[in-house]
Amino acid sequence: MSSKNKRNILYFKGKTMQKLYERMQAWQKKHNKRFLSISIQKDGDMFCAIALTNPSEVVITNLDGTKHADLYFQQESGLVALATSF
């Protein structure tokens, strides 16, 4: 999965919980990303997981999406400021 990909839902499966864990752990190591949440269910003889990662891009907008917020980095303090005009 590209780091520029805005999709953040993943699907994993394994015959055992151990195999499912190993696959999810391998994905995390390969992509250097954490899971935001995970849901694990048994589906027939397989263990399946839907996992959400943090999206690579977050856009803050007004309700209809027409105006975007601006972020400013304050070098002196190291803080990020959010400015909206809506």
Protein backbone atom coordinates (compact mmCIF):
# COMPACT_ATOMS: atom_id res chain seq x y z
CA MET A 1 0.00 0.00 0.00
CA SER A 2 1.44 3.37 -1.01
CA SER A 3 2.07 5.87 1.78
CA LYS A 4 0.09 8.38 -0.32
CA ASN A 5 -2.95 6.10 -0.33
CA LYS A 6 -5.90 7.75 1.43
CA ARG A 7 -7.65 4.44 2.07
CA ASN A 8 -7.28 3.15 5.59
CA ILE A 9 -9.22 -0.13 5.79
CA LEU A 10 -7.42 -3.47 5.59
CA TYR A 11 -8.51 -7.12 5.61
CA PHE A 12 -6.48 -10.02 7.00
CA LYS A 13 -7.24 -13.72 7.46
CA GLY A 14 -5.55 -16.79 8.88
CA LYS A 15 -6.41 -20.38 9.78
CA THR A 16 -5.43 -19.72 13.40
CA MET A 17 -5.30 -16.64 15.62
CA GLN A 18 -1.52 -17.07 15.68
CA LYS A 19 -1.34 -16.97 11.86
CA LEU A 20 -3.64 -13.94 11.77
CA TYR A 21 -1.44 -12.19 14.33
CA GLU A 22 1.73 -13.00 12.35
CA ARG A 23 0.25 -11.61 9.13
CA MET A 24 -0.92 -8.42 10.82
CA GLN A 25 2.41 -7.97 12.58
CA ALA A 26 4.31 -8.52 9.31
CA TRP A 27 2.15 -5.90 7.58
CA GLN A 28 2.83 -3.39 10.36
CA LYS A 29 6.59 -3.96 10.18
CA LYS A 30 6.63 -3.71 6.37
CA HIS A 31 4.55 -0.52 6.20
CA ASN A 32 5.69 1.06 9.48
CA LYS A 33 2.09 1.92 10.40
CA ARG A 34 -0.05 1.31 13.46
CA PHE A 35 -3.60 0.07 13.51
CA LEU A 36 -6.17 2.54 14.80
CA SER A 37 -8.74 -0.21 15.49
CA ILE A 38 -9.23 -3.90 14.80
CA SER A 39 -12.27 -6.18 14.66
CA ILE A 40 -11.64 -9.95 14.62
CA GLN A 41 -14.35 -12.49 13.79
CA LYS A 42 -14.44 -16.19 12.99
CA ASP A 43 -15.65 -16.83 9.43
CA GLY A 44 -16.12 -20.56 8.89
CA ASP A 45 -12.75 -22.12 9.67
CA MET A 46 -10.82 -18.84 9.26
CA PHE A 47 -10.08 -15.97 11.62
CA CYS A 48 -10.65 -12.67 9.83
CA ALA A 49 -9.79 -9.11 10.80
CA ILE A 50 -10.83 -5.73 9.54
CA ALA A 51 -8.24 -3.17 10.60
CA LEU A 52 -8.21 0.61 10.30
CA THR A 53 -4.99 2.56 10.02
CA ASN A 54 -4.49 6.28 10.42
CA PRO A 55 -5.13 7.88 7.04
CA SER A 56 -2.12 9.53 5.42
CA GLU A 57 -4.02 12.72 4.85
CA VAL A 58 -6.57 14.52 6.96
CA VAL A 59 -8.42 17.50 5.52
CA ILE A 60 -10.43 19.75 7.82
CA THR A 61 -13.31 21.42 6.01
CA ASN A 62 -16.60 23.12 6.66
CA LEU A 63 -19.74 20.96 6.52
CA ASP A 64 -20.15 21.01 2.74
CA GLY A 65 -16.41 20.59 2.05
CA THR A 66 -16.01 23.84 0.10
CA LYS A 67 -13.62 25.63 2.49
CA HIS A 68 -10.43 24.13 3.91
CA ALA A 69 -8.63 25.01 7.13
CA ASP A 70 -5.01 26.18 7.02
CA LEU A 71 -2.21 24.87 9.24
CA TYR A 72 0.71 27.03 10.33
CA PHE A 73 3.91 25.80 11.93
CA GLN A 74 5.22 28.10 14.68
CA GLN A 75 8.96 27.58 14.53
CA GLU A 76 9.74 29.24 17.87
CA SER A 77 7.40 27.01 19.90
CA GLY A 78 7.27 23.97 17.61
CA LEU A 79 3.47 24.10 17.71
CA VAL A 80 1.08 23.76 14.80
CA ALA A 81 -1.75 26.30 14.64
CA LEU A 82 -5.05 25.70 12.88
CA ALA A 83 -6.82 28.62 11.21
CA THR A 84 -10.30 28.47 9.75
CA SER A 85 -12.21 31.07 7.81
CA PHE A 86 -15.60 29.41 8.01
